[in-house]
Amino acid sequence: MNTIAREDITGLVLAGGRGSRMGGVDKGLQNHRGMPLALHALLRLQPQVGTSMVSANRNLSAYEAMGVPVWPDSVEGYAGPLAGLLTGLEHAETPWLVTVPCDTPDFPTDLVERLAAAAVAQDAEIAMAATLEDGRLRAQPVFCLLRTELVESLVAFLHTGERKFGLWADRHRKIELPFDDTAAFFNANTLQELQQLQQLLR
C-alpha cells in the first residue's frame, strides 16, 4: 500500500481564530466570490477526504449551515491553530486527520493525495506542506496530515503552556513536502489581502 485510503482521512477546516489582523471579524465568514471563505475551503477539501468538519469558536450556526459538524475549541482562550487541531483529533473517527485554514481557499486540489503518499513513503506521523519563498523552503504547518493517535501527545504539550506548532511537530516523525505553486497557499490575514485574493484568477 503506497498511500492512505481517502475514507481513512478526516478533513478539518480551521476557522476558530480571532481574526485580529482583520479587525476582529470572523474571518471564515468573510465573503469571497459570493461565498464565505470557510465554505470555499470546505468545498475544496471534501473531494479529497472521507469526512469533513469545521473548527470554529463564534457564529456556530453559520458554520453549521455549511452541512458538516462544527466543533469549538476544547482549550479556552483562543489558543491558536493547535487548539483547533486538538479539537479535530478529539472528534475524528479515522486514523488520519488533515487540516486546512479557512483563509486559503485556493490550496491544491491534490494536497491530501500528495501528503498521504509522502507520509506512507517516509513512514511519517506528520506530513506538512512547504513552499519556496525567497529561495528558502518554508513549512506551511496549518496544511498538515497527521495520525489521530497523536492526540495524547498534543494534550500533554498544550498542558505545558506551549502553543508553537513546529515545536510540537518536531517531537514526532515529521516530513515537509514541497509544493511548487506558492500562490495556491496565499492566505488572507487582512482585509487588504482578502481584496488581493479576490483579484487572483485561479
N, C-alpha and C. Protein backbone atom coordinates (compact mmCIF):
# COMPACT_ATOMS: atom_id res chain seq x y z
N MET A 1 0.86 -1.19 0.00
CA MET A 1 0.00 0.00 0.00
C MET A 1 0.90 1.25 0.00
N ASN A 2 0.74 2.08 -1.03
CA ASN A 2 1.63 3.23 -1.16
C ASN A 2 0.95 4.55 -0.87
N THR A 3 -0.25 4.49 -0.30
CA THR A 3 -0.92 5.72 0.10
C THR A 3 -1.93 5.40 1.19
N ILE A 4 -2.73 6.39 1.57
CA ILE A 4 -3.76 6.21 2.60
C ILE A 4 -5.12 6.32 1.92
N ALA A 5 -6.02 5.42 2.23
CA ALA A 5 -7.35 5.46 1.63
C ALA A 5 -8.06 6.75 2.03
N ARG A 6 -8.78 7.32 1.08
CA ARG A 6 -9.46 8.59 1.34
C ARG A 6 -10.41 8.49 2.54
N GLU A 7 -11.09 7.34 2.67
CA GLU A 7 -12.06 7.19 3.76
C GLU A 7 -11.38 7.07 5.13
N ASP A 8 -10.05 6.93 5.14
CA ASP A 8 -9.32 6.89 6.41
C ASP A 8 -8.83 8.26 6.85
N ILE A 9 -9.25 9.30 6.12
CA ILE A 9 -8.80 10.66 6.43
C ILE A 9 -10.00 11.57 6.70
N THR A 10 -9.97 12.25 7.84
CA THR A 10 -10.95 13.28 8.15
C THR A 10 -10.35 14.64 7.82
N GLY A 11 -11.13 15.48 7.16
CA GLY A 11 -10.66 16.83 6.83
C GLY A 11 -11.21 17.85 7.82
N LEU A 12 -10.37 18.77 8.24
CA LEU A 12 -10.76 19.79 9.21
C LEU A 12 -10.42 21.18 8.67
N VAL A 13 -11.43 22.05 8.57
CA VAL A 13 -11.21 23.45 8.21
C VAL A 13 -11.06 24.24 9.50
N LEU A 14 -9.91 24.90 9.65
CA LEU A 14 -9.62 25.69 10.85
C LEU A 14 -10.20 27.09 10.71
N ALA A 15 -11.24 27.39 11.47
CA ALA A 15 -11.90 28.71 11.38
C ALA A 15 -12.14 29.29 12.77
N GLY A 16 -11.29 28.91 13.73
CA GLY A 16 -11.55 29.30 15.11
C GLY A 16 -10.75 30.48 15.63
N GLY A 17 -10.03 31.17 14.74
CA GLY A 17 -9.18 32.28 15.19
C GLY A 17 -9.95 33.54 15.51
N ARG A 18 -9.25 34.50 16.09
CA ARG A 18 -9.89 35.77 16.47
C ARG A 18 -10.03 36.72 15.30
N GLY A 19 -9.27 36.49 14.22
CA GLY A 19 -9.31 37.43 13.10
C GLY A 19 -8.78 38.80 13.48
N SER A 20 -7.81 38.83 14.41
CA SER A 20 -7.34 40.11 14.95
C SER A 20 -6.72 41.00 13.88
N ARG A 21 -6.03 40.39 12.91
CA ARG A 21 -5.40 41.20 11.86
C ARG A 21 -6.41 41.64 10.80
N MET A 22 -7.66 41.17 10.96
CA MET A 22 -8.72 41.59 10.05
C MET A 22 -9.75 42.43 10.81
N GLY A 23 -9.31 43.02 11.91
CA GLY A 23 -10.19 43.89 12.68
C GLY A 23 -11.14 43.15 13.61
N GLY A 24 -10.85 41.89 13.88
CA GLY A 24 -11.66 41.12 14.82
C GLY A 24 -12.88 40.46 14.20
N VAL A 25 -13.03 40.55 12.88
CA VAL A 25 -14.18 39.90 12.23
C VAL A 25 -13.96 38.39 12.21
N ASP A 26 -15.03 37.66 12.00
CA ASP A 26 -14.94 36.21 11.86
C ASP A 26 -14.46 35.92 10.44
N LYS A 27 -13.17 35.62 10.34
CA LYS A 27 -12.53 35.54 9.03
C LYS A 27 -13.19 34.52 8.10
N GLY A 28 -13.54 33.37 8.66
CA GLY A 28 -14.10 32.31 7.82
C GLY A 28 -15.43 32.66 7.18
N LEU A 29 -16.10 33.68 7.72
CA LEU A 29 -17.41 34.08 7.17
C LEU A 29 -17.32 35.27 6.24
N GLN A 30 -16.11 35.77 5.99
CA GLN A 30 -15.96 36.89 5.05
C GLN A 30 -16.28 36.44 3.63
N ASN A 31 -16.97 37.32 2.91
CA ASN A 31 -17.41 36.98 1.56
C ASN A 31 -16.23 36.92 0.59
N HIS A 32 -16.20 35.87 -0.17
CA HIS A 32 -15.18 35.68 -1.20
C HIS A 32 -15.85 35.07 -2.42
N ARG A 33 -15.96 35.86 -3.48
CA ARG A 33 -16.63 35.39 -4.70
C ARG A 33 -18.01 34.81 -4.42
N GLY A 34 -18.74 35.50 -3.54
CA GLY A 34 -20.14 35.14 -3.30
C GLY A 34 -20.37 34.08 -2.24
N MET A 35 -19.31 33.60 -1.61
CA MET A 35 -19.46 32.57 -0.58
C MET A 35 -18.52 32.88 0.59
N PRO A 36 -18.83 32.39 1.78
CA PRO A 36 -17.88 32.56 2.89
C PRO A 36 -16.55 31.86 2.60
N LEU A 37 -15.47 32.47 3.05
CA LEU A 37 -14.14 31.89 2.83
C LEU A 37 -14.07 30.44 3.29
N ALA A 38 -14.62 30.16 4.48
CA ALA A 38 -14.53 28.80 5.02
C ALA A 38 -15.27 27.79 4.15
N LEU A 39 -16.35 28.23 3.51
CA LEU A 39 -17.09 27.31 2.64
C LEU A 39 -16.28 26.98 1.39
N HIS A 40 -15.56 27.97 0.86
CA HIS A 40 -14.65 27.69 -0.26
C HIS A 40 -13.66 26.60 0.13
N ALA A 41 -13.04 26.77 1.30
CA ALA A 41 -12.04 25.80 1.76
C ALA A 41 -12.66 24.43 1.96
N LEU A 42 -13.85 24.40 2.54
CA LEU A 42 -14.53 23.13 2.79
C LEU A 42 -14.85 22.40 1.48
N LEU A 43 -15.40 23.13 0.51
CA LEU A 43 -15.77 22.52 -0.76
C LEU A 43 -14.54 22.01 -1.52
N ARG A 44 -13.42 22.67 -1.33
CA ARG A 44 -12.18 22.23 -1.99
C ARG A 44 -11.60 21.00 -1.29
N LEU A 45 -11.84 20.91 0.02
CA LEU A 45 -11.28 19.81 0.80
C LEU A 45 -12.12 18.53 0.69
N GLN A 46 -13.43 18.67 0.64
CA GLN A 46 -14.31 17.50 0.73
C GLN A 46 -14.02 16.39 -0.29
N PRO A 47 -13.73 16.70 -1.56
CA PRO A 47 -13.45 15.61 -2.51
C PRO A 47 -12.14 14.87 -2.20
N GLN A 48 -11.32 15.45 -1.32
CA GLN A 48 -10.00 14.88 -1.05
C GLN A 48 -9.99 13.98 0.19
N VAL A 49 -11.10 13.97 0.95
CA VAL A 49 -11.14 13.24 2.22
C VAL A 49 -12.41 12.41 2.33
N GLY A 50 -12.45 11.56 3.36
CA GLY A 50 -13.63 10.73 3.57
C GLY A 50 -14.76 11.46 4.25
N THR A 51 -14.44 12.25 5.26
CA THR A 51 -15.43 13.02 6.01
C THR A 51 -14.81 14.35 6.41
N SER A 52 -15.68 15.34 6.71
CA SER A 52 -15.18 16.70 6.97
C SER A 52 -15.84 17.31 8.19
N MET A 53 -15.15 18.28 8.78
CA MET A 53 -15.72 19.06 9.87
C MET A 53 -15.02 20.42 9.93
N VAL A 54 -15.58 21.29 10.77
CA VAL A 54 -15.06 22.66 10.90
C VAL A 54 -14.75 22.94 12.37
N SER A 55 -13.64 23.60 12.61
CA SER A 55 -13.30 24.10 13.95
C SER A 55 -13.63 25.59 13.98
N ALA A 56 -14.56 26.00 14.84
CA ALA A 56 -14.97 27.40 14.93
C ALA A 56 -15.33 27.74 16.37
N ASN A 57 -15.19 29.01 16.74
CA ASN A 57 -15.49 29.44 18.11
C ASN A 57 -16.57 30.51 18.19
N ARG A 58 -17.01 31.02 17.03
CA ARG A 58 -18.06 32.04 17.01
C ARG A 58 -19.04 31.69 15.90
N ASN A 59 -20.23 32.28 15.99
CA ASN A 59 -21.21 32.15 14.89
C ASN A 59 -21.37 30.69 14.45
N LEU A 60 -21.51 29.80 15.44
CA LEU A 60 -21.52 28.37 15.13
C LEU A 60 -22.65 27.99 14.18
N SER A 61 -23.80 28.63 14.31
CA SER A 61 -24.93 28.26 13.44
C SER A 61 -24.63 28.57 11.98
N ALA A 62 -23.87 29.65 11.74
CA ALA A 62 -23.49 29.98 10.36
C ALA A 62 -22.59 28.90 9.77
N TYR A 63 -21.69 28.39 10.59
CA TYR A 63 -20.82 27.31 10.11
C TYR A 63 -21.59 25.99 9.98
N GLU A 64 -22.51 25.74 10.91
CA GLU A 64 -23.31 24.52 10.84
C GLU A 64 -24.14 24.48 9.56
N ALA A 65 -24.50 25.67 9.05
CA ALA A 65 -25.27 25.74 7.81
C ALA A 65 -24.48 25.22 6.61
N MET A 66 -23.17 25.06 6.78
CA MET A 66 -22.34 24.51 5.70
C MET A 66 -22.48 23.00 5.57
N GLY A 67 -23.20 22.39 6.53
CA GLY A 67 -23.58 20.99 6.37
C GLY A 67 -22.64 19.95 6.94
N VAL A 68 -21.69 20.38 7.76
CA VAL A 68 -20.77 19.41 8.39
C VAL A 68 -20.72 19.71 9.89
N PRO A 69 -20.24 18.75 10.70
CA PRO A 69 -20.13 19.01 12.14
C PRO A 69 -19.20 20.18 12.43
N VAL A 70 -19.55 20.99 13.43
CA VAL A 70 -18.75 22.15 13.82
C VAL A 70 -18.39 22.00 15.29
N TRP A 71 -17.10 22.15 15.60
CA TRP A 71 -16.64 21.95 16.97
C TRP A 71 -15.85 23.17 17.46
N PRO A 72 -16.23 23.74 18.61
CA PRO A 72 -15.42 24.81 19.21
C PRO A 72 -14.21 24.21 19.92
N ASP A 73 -13.21 25.05 20.18
CA ASP A 73 -12.00 24.60 20.87
C ASP A 73 -12.34 24.02 22.24
N SER A 74 -11.66 22.95 22.59
CA SER A 74 -11.80 22.40 23.94
C SER A 74 -10.82 23.08 24.90
N VAL A 75 -9.86 23.82 24.33
CA VAL A 75 -8.91 24.61 25.13
C VAL A 75 -9.40 26.05 25.14
N GLU A 76 -9.48 26.66 26.30
CA GLU A 76 -10.03 28.02 26.39
C GLU A 76 -9.01 29.07 25.97
N GLY A 77 -9.54 30.23 25.55
CA GLY A 77 -8.69 31.40 25.34
C GLY A 77 -8.04 31.52 23.98
N TYR A 78 -8.70 31.05 22.93
CA TYR A 78 -8.16 31.21 21.57
C TYR A 78 -6.67 30.83 21.53
N ALA A 79 -6.41 29.55 21.72
CA ALA A 79 -5.02 29.09 21.85
C ALA A 79 -4.34 28.86 20.51
N GLY A 80 -4.95 29.33 19.43
CA GLY A 80 -4.30 29.23 18.13
C GLY A 80 -4.59 27.94 17.40
N PRO A 81 -3.86 27.71 16.28
CA PRO A 81 -4.14 26.55 15.43
C PRO A 81 -4.04 25.21 16.17
N LEU A 82 -3.16 25.12 17.17
CA LEU A 82 -3.02 23.85 17.88
C LEU A 82 -4.30 23.48 18.64
N ALA A 83 -5.04 24.49 19.11
CA ALA A 83 -6.30 24.22 19.81
C ALA A 83 -7.32 23.64 18.83
N GLY A 84 -7.37 24.23 17.63
CA GLY A 84 -8.26 23.68 16.60
C GLY A 84 -7.85 22.29 16.19
N LEU A 85 -6.54 22.08 16.10
CA LEU A 85 -6.02 20.76 15.74
C LEU A 85 -6.41 19.73 16.80
N LEU A 86 -6.28 20.10 18.07
CA LEU A 86 -6.66 19.19 19.16
C LEU A 86 -8.13 18.83 19.06
N THR A 87 -8.97 19.81 18.80
CA THR A 87 -10.40 19.57 18.65
C THR A 87 -10.66 18.55 17.54
N GLY A 88 -9.95 18.72 16.43
CA GLY A 88 -10.10 17.78 15.32
C GLY A 88 -9.66 16.38 15.70
N LEU A 89 -8.53 16.27 16.38
CA LEU A 89 -8.02 14.96 16.80
C LEU A 89 -8.98 14.28 17.77
N GLU A 90 -9.63 15.08 18.62
CA GLU A 90 -10.56 14.52 19.60
C GLU A 90 -11.83 13.99 18.95
N HIS A 91 -12.23 14.58 17.83
CA HIS A 91 -13.51 14.21 17.22
C HIS A 91 -13.38 13.33 15.97
N ALA A 92 -12.20 13.24 15.41
CA ALA A 92 -12.03 12.42 14.21
C ALA A 92 -12.19 10.93 14.56
N GLU A 93 -12.84 10.20 13.68
CA GLU A 93 -13.03 8.77 13.90
C GLU A 93 -12.26 7.96 12.86
N THR A 94 -11.25 8.57 12.29
CA THR A 94 -10.41 7.93 11.27
C THR A 94 -8.97 7.90 11.78
N PRO A 95 -8.11 7.08 11.17
CA PRO A 95 -6.72 7.02 11.62
C PRO A 95 -5.92 8.29 11.32
N TRP A 96 -6.41 9.09 10.36
CA TRP A 96 -5.67 10.28 9.94
C TRP A 96 -6.58 11.50 9.93
N LEU A 97 -5.96 12.67 10.19
CA LEU A 97 -6.65 13.95 10.11
C LEU A 97 -5.82 14.88 9.24
N VAL A 98 -6.49 15.66 8.40
CA VAL A 98 -5.77 16.68 7.62
C VAL A 98 -6.43 18.03 7.90
N THR A 99 -5.60 19.07 8.06
CA THR A 99 -6.13 20.40 8.37
C THR A 99 -5.81 21.38 7.25
N VAL A 100 -6.74 22.30 7.03
CA VAL A 100 -6.51 23.44 6.14
C VAL A 100 -7.10 24.67 6.82
N PRO A 101 -6.51 25.86 6.63
CA PRO A 101 -7.07 27.07 7.23
C PRO A 101 -8.20 27.63 6.37
N CYS A 102 -9.10 28.37 7.02
CA CYS A 102 -10.26 28.90 6.30
C CYS A 102 -9.90 30.03 5.36
N ASP A 103 -8.69 30.61 5.52
CA ASP A 103 -8.38 31.83 4.76
C ASP A 103 -7.51 31.57 3.53
N THR A 104 -7.41 30.31 3.12
CA THR A 104 -6.60 29.96 1.95
C THR A 104 -7.45 29.09 1.02
N PRO A 105 -8.36 29.70 0.27
CA PRO A 105 -9.36 28.92 -0.46
C PRO A 105 -8.86 28.25 -1.74
N ASP A 106 -7.63 28.56 -2.17
CA ASP A 106 -7.15 28.03 -3.45
C ASP A 106 -6.04 27.00 -3.29
N PHE A 107 -5.99 26.35 -2.12
CA PHE A 107 -4.95 25.35 -1.91
C PHE A 107 -5.08 24.22 -2.94
N PRO A 108 -3.99 23.47 -3.19
CA PRO A 108 -4.00 22.48 -4.29
C PRO A 108 -5.09 21.41 -4.14
N THR A 109 -5.66 21.03 -5.26
CA THR A 109 -6.70 20.00 -5.25
C THR A 109 -6.12 18.60 -5.05
N ASP A 110 -4.79 18.49 -5.13
CA ASP A 110 -4.15 17.20 -4.84
C ASP A 110 -3.35 17.26 -3.53
N LEU A 111 -3.66 18.24 -2.70
CA LEU A 111 -2.93 18.43 -1.44
C LEU A 111 -2.91 17.16 -0.60
N VAL A 112 -4.08 16.61 -0.32
CA VAL A 112 -4.18 15.46 0.58
C VAL A 112 -3.55 14.23 -0.04
N GLU A 113 -3.81 14.03 -1.31
CA GLU A 113 -3.25 12.87 -2.02
C GLU A 113 -1.72 12.87 -1.93
N ARG A 114 -1.12 14.02 -2.14
CA ARG A 114 0.35 14.10 -2.12
C ARG A 114 0.91 13.96 -0.71
N LEU A 115 0.25 14.59 0.27
CA LEU A 115 0.70 14.45 1.66
C LEU A 115 0.58 13.00 2.12
N ALA A 116 -0.50 12.34 1.73
CA ALA A 116 -0.72 10.94 2.13
C ALA A 116 0.35 10.03 1.54
N ALA A 117 0.64 10.20 0.26
CA ALA A 117 1.66 9.37 -0.40
C ALA A 117 3.03 9.58 0.25
N ALA A 118 3.34 10.82 0.59
CA ALA A 118 4.63 11.13 1.20
C ALA A 118 4.72 10.56 2.61
N ALA A 119 3.61 10.64 3.36
CA ALA A 119 3.60 10.11 4.73
C ALA A 119 3.86 8.61 4.74
N VAL A 120 3.23 7.90 3.82
CA VAL A 120 3.40 6.45 3.74
C VAL A 120 4.81 6.11 3.28
N ALA A 121 5.28 6.80 2.24
CA ALA A 121 6.60 6.51 1.68
C ALA A 121 7.71 6.71 2.70
N GLN A 122 7.54 7.70 3.59
CA GLN A 122 8.61 8.01 4.54
C GLN A 122 8.24 7.64 5.98
N ASP A 123 7.17 6.85 6.13
CA ASP A 123 6.74 6.38 7.45
C ASP A 123 6.66 7.54 8.44
N ALA A 124 6.01 8.61 8.02
CA ALA A 124 5.90 9.81 8.86
C ALA A 124 4.60 9.80 9.65
N GLU A 125 4.64 10.39 10.84
CA GLU A 125 3.43 10.58 11.63
C GLU A 125 2.75 11.90 11.28
N ILE A 126 3.56 12.84 10.79
CA ILE A 126 3.07 14.16 10.41
C ILE A 126 3.67 14.53 9.06
N ALA A 127 2.82 14.92 8.12
CA ALA A 127 3.29 15.41 6.81
C ALA A 127 2.69 16.79 6.60
N MET A 128 3.56 17.80 6.40
CA MET A 128 3.03 19.14 6.17
C MET A 128 3.55 19.71 4.86
N ALA A 129 2.76 20.59 4.29
CA ALA A 129 3.14 21.24 3.04
C ALA A 129 4.24 22.25 3.30
N ALA A 130 5.02 22.53 2.27
CA ALA A 130 6.06 23.57 2.34
C ALA A 130 6.12 24.26 0.99
N THR A 131 6.48 25.54 1.00
CA THR A 131 6.60 26.30 -0.25
C THR A 131 7.95 27.02 -0.27
N LEU A 132 8.40 27.32 -1.48
CA LEU A 132 9.67 28.03 -1.65
C LEU A 132 9.40 29.53 -1.62
N GLU A 133 9.99 30.21 -0.66
CA GLU A 133 9.82 31.66 -0.53
C GLU A 133 11.18 32.31 -0.37
N ASP A 134 11.48 33.22 -1.27
CA ASP A 134 12.79 33.90 -1.26
C ASP A 134 13.94 32.90 -1.26
N GLY A 135 13.76 31.84 -2.04
CA GLY A 135 14.82 30.85 -2.19
C GLY A 135 14.94 29.85 -1.05
N ARG A 136 14.06 29.98 -0.05
CA ARG A 136 14.12 29.06 1.09
C ARG A 136 12.81 28.30 1.23
N LEU A 137 12.92 27.05 1.65
CA LEU A 137 11.73 26.23 1.85
C LEU A 137 11.09 26.61 3.18
N ARG A 138 9.81 26.97 3.13
CA ARG A 138 9.12 27.39 4.35
C ARG A 138 7.93 26.47 4.61
N ALA A 139 7.90 25.90 5.80
CA ALA A 139 6.81 24.99 6.15
C ALA A 139 5.49 25.74 6.24
N GLN A 140 4.41 25.06 5.86
CA GLN A 140 3.05 25.59 5.99
C GLN A 140 2.32 24.66 6.97
N PRO A 141 2.59 24.79 8.28
CA PRO A 141 2.12 23.78 9.23
C PRO A 141 0.62 23.62 9.35
N VAL A 142 -0.15 24.67 8.96
CA VAL A 142 -1.61 24.51 9.05
C VAL A 142 -2.16 23.64 7.91
N PHE A 143 -1.31 23.32 6.93
CA PHE A 143 -1.66 22.32 5.90
C PHE A 143 -0.96 21.04 6.30
N CYS A 144 -1.63 20.25 7.11
CA CYS A 144 -0.95 19.18 7.82
C CYS A 144 -1.79 17.91 7.85
N LEU A 145 -1.17 16.80 7.51
CA LEU A 145 -1.79 15.48 7.63
C LEU A 145 -1.09 14.76 8.78
N LEU A 146 -1.87 14.22 9.71
CA LEU A 146 -1.23 13.57 10.84
C LEU A 146 -2.09 12.43 11.39
N ARG A 147 -1.42 11.53 12.09
CA ARG A 147 -2.10 10.40 12.72
C ARG A 147 -2.93 10.89 13.91
N THR A 148 -4.16 10.41 14.01
CA THR A 148 -5.03 10.86 15.11
C THR A 148 -4.58 10.30 16.46
N GLU A 149 -3.75 9.26 16.44
CA GLU A 149 -3.25 8.71 17.70
C GLU A 149 -2.29 9.66 18.42
N LEU A 150 -1.93 10.77 17.78
CA LEU A 150 -1.05 11.75 18.41
C LEU A 150 -1.79 12.67 19.38
N VAL A 151 -3.08 12.44 19.58
CA VAL A 151 -3.90 13.32 20.41
C VAL A 151 -3.35 13.45 21.83
N GLU A 152 -2.92 12.34 22.43
CA GLU A 152 -2.43 12.41 23.82
C GLU A 152 -1.15 13.22 23.91
N SER A 153 -0.29 13.08 22.92
CA SER A 153 0.94 13.87 22.87
C SER A 153 0.63 15.36 22.81
N LEU A 154 -0.37 15.73 22.01
CA LEU A 154 -0.72 17.15 21.87
C LEU A 154 -1.34 17.69 23.15
N VAL A 155 -2.18 16.90 23.80
CA VAL A 155 -2.77 17.32 25.08
C VAL A 155 -1.67 17.62 26.09
N ALA A 156 -0.71 16.71 26.19
CA ALA A 156 0.40 16.89 27.14
C ALA A 156 1.21 18.15 26.81
N PHE A 157 1.44 18.39 25.52
CA PHE A 157 2.20 19.56 25.07
C PHE A 157 1.48 20.85 25.44
N LEU A 158 0.17 20.90 25.18
CA LEU A 158 -0.60 22.11 25.47
C LEU A 158 -0.68 22.37 26.98
N HIS A 159 -0.66 21.31 27.76
CA HIS A 159 -0.72 21.48 29.22
C HIS A 159 0.55 22.13 29.77
N THR A 160 1.62 22.11 28.99
CA THR A 160 2.86 22.78 29.42
C THR A 160 2.78 24.29 29.17
N GLY A 161 1.74 24.72 28.46
CA GLY A 161 1.58 26.14 28.14
C GLY A 161 2.16 26.53 26.80
N GLU A 162 2.79 25.58 26.13
CA GLU A 162 3.36 25.86 24.80
C GLU A 162 2.25 25.93 23.75
N ARG A 163 2.49 26.73 22.71
CA ARG A 163 1.48 26.89 21.66
C ARG A 163 2.08 26.81 20.25
N LYS A 164 3.39 26.56 20.15
CA LYS A 164 4.03 26.60 18.83
C LYS A 164 3.91 25.25 18.13
N PHE A 165 3.27 25.29 16.97
CA PHE A 165 3.02 24.08 16.19
C PHE A 165 4.31 23.35 15.87
N GLY A 166 5.29 24.10 15.37
CA GLY A 166 6.55 23.48 14.94
C GLY A 166 7.28 22.78 16.07
N LEU A 167 7.22 23.38 17.26
CA LEU A 167 7.89 22.80 18.42
C LEU A 167 7.29 21.43 18.76
N TRP A 168 5.97 21.35 18.67
CA TRP A 168 5.31 20.06 18.94
C TRP A 168 5.59 19.06 17.82
N ALA A 169 5.46 19.51 16.58
CA ALA A 169 5.65 18.60 15.43
C ALA A 169 7.05 18.00 15.42
N ASP A 170 8.03 18.78 15.87
CA ASP A 170 9.42 18.30 15.86
C ASP A 170 9.63 17.11 16.80
N ARG A 171 8.68 16.85 17.67
CA ARG A 171 8.79 15.71 18.59
C ARG A 171 8.41 14.39 17.92
N HIS A 172 7.91 14.48 16.70
CA HIS A 172 7.40 13.29 16.02
C HIS A 172 8.08 13.10 14.66
N ARG A 173 7.81 11.95 14.06
CA ARG A 173 8.38 11.68 12.72
C ARG A 173 7.65 12.59 11.73
N LYS A 174 8.34 13.65 11.32
CA LYS A 174 7.70 14.71 10.54
C LYS A 174 8.42 14.88 9.20
N ILE A 175 7.65 15.11 8.16
CA ILE A 175 8.25 15.47 6.87
C ILE A 175 7.59 16.74 6.35
N GLU A 176 8.35 17.49 5.55
CA GLU A 176 7.83 18.68 4.87
C GLU A 176 7.88 18.42 3.39
N LEU A 177 6.73 18.50 2.74
CA LEU A 177 6.63 18.18 1.31
C LEU A 177 6.53 19.46 0.49
N PRO A 178 7.50 19.73 -0.40
CA PRO A 178 7.46 20.96 -1.19
C PRO A 178 6.34 20.96 -2.23
N PHE A 179 5.67 22.08 -2.34
CA PHE A 179 4.68 22.33 -3.39
C PHE A 179 5.18 23.52 -4.22
N ASP A 180 5.15 23.36 -5.54
CA ASP A 180 5.70 24.40 -6.41
C ASP A 180 4.83 25.65 -6.50
N ASP A 181 3.50 25.46 -6.42
CA ASP A 181 2.58 26.57 -6.65
C ASP A 181 2.40 27.39 -5.36
N THR A 182 3.32 28.32 -5.13
CA THR A 182 3.27 29.14 -3.90
C THR A 182 1.98 29.94 -3.81
N ALA A 183 1.48 30.42 -4.95
CA ALA A 183 0.26 31.24 -4.94
C ALA A 183 -0.95 30.48 -4.42
N ALA A 184 -0.94 29.15 -4.55
CA ALA A 184 -2.05 28.34 -4.07
C ALA A 184 -2.19 28.42 -2.55
N PHE A 185 -1.10 28.84 -1.88
CA PHE A 185 -1.11 28.92 -0.43
C PHE A 185 -1.23 30.36 0.06
N PHE A 186 -1.62 31.27 -0.84
CA PHE A 186 -1.82 32.67 -0.44
C PHE A 186 -2.99 32.75 0.53
N ASN A 187 -2.74 33.34 1.70
CA ASN A 187 -3.81 33.42 2.69
C ASN A 187 -4.16 34.87 3.01
N ALA A 188 -5.42 35.07 3.32
CA ALA A 188 -5.94 36.42 3.58
C ALA A 188 -6.01 36.67 5.08
N ASN A 189 -4.98 37.30 5.61
CA ASN A 189 -4.94 37.63 7.04
C ASN A 189 -5.53 38.99 7.33
N THR A 190 -5.51 39.87 6.31
CA THR A 190 -6.02 41.23 6.48
C THR A 190 -7.08 41.50 5.41
N LEU A 191 -7.84 42.58 5.59
CA LEU A 191 -8.85 42.92 4.59
C LEU A 191 -8.19 43.25 3.25
N GLN A 192 -7.00 43.86 3.30
CA GLN A 192 -6.26 44.17 2.08
C GLN A 192 -5.88 42.88 1.35
N GLU A 193 -5.42 41.88 2.12
CA GLU A 193 -5.06 40.60 1.49
C GLU A 193 -6.29 39.89 0.94
N LEU A 194 -7.42 40.08 1.60
CA LEU A 194 -8.66 39.49 1.08
C LEU A 194 -9.01 40.11 -0.27
N GLN A 195 -8.79 41.43 -0.38
CA GLN A 195 -9.02 42.09 -1.68
C GLN A 195 -8.08 41.56 -2.74
N GLN A 196 -6.81 41.32 -2.35
CA GLN A 196 -5.85 40.74 -3.29
C GLN A 196 -6.31 39.36 -3.74
N LEU A 197 -6.83 38.60 -2.80
CA LEU A 197 -7.29 37.24 -3.09
C LEU A 197 -8.43 37.26 -4.11
N GLN A 198 -9.33 38.26 -3.97
CA GLN A 198 -10.45 38.36 -4.90
C GLN A 198 -9.97 38.53 -6.34
N GLN A 199 -8.78 39.18 -6.47
CA GLN A 199 -8.29 39.50 -7.81
C GLN A 199 -7.49 38.38 -8.44
N LEU A 200 -7.13 37.36 -7.63
CA LEU A 200 -6.38 36.23 -8.17
C LEU A 200 -7.33 35.32 -8.94
N LEU A 201 -7.08 35.16 -10.20
CA LEU A 201 -7.93 34.27 -11.01
C LEU A 201 -7.30 32.89 -10.99
N ARG A 202 -7.98 31.93 -10.37
CA ARG A 202 -7.43 30.58 -10.27
C ARG A 202 -8.44 29.58 -10.79
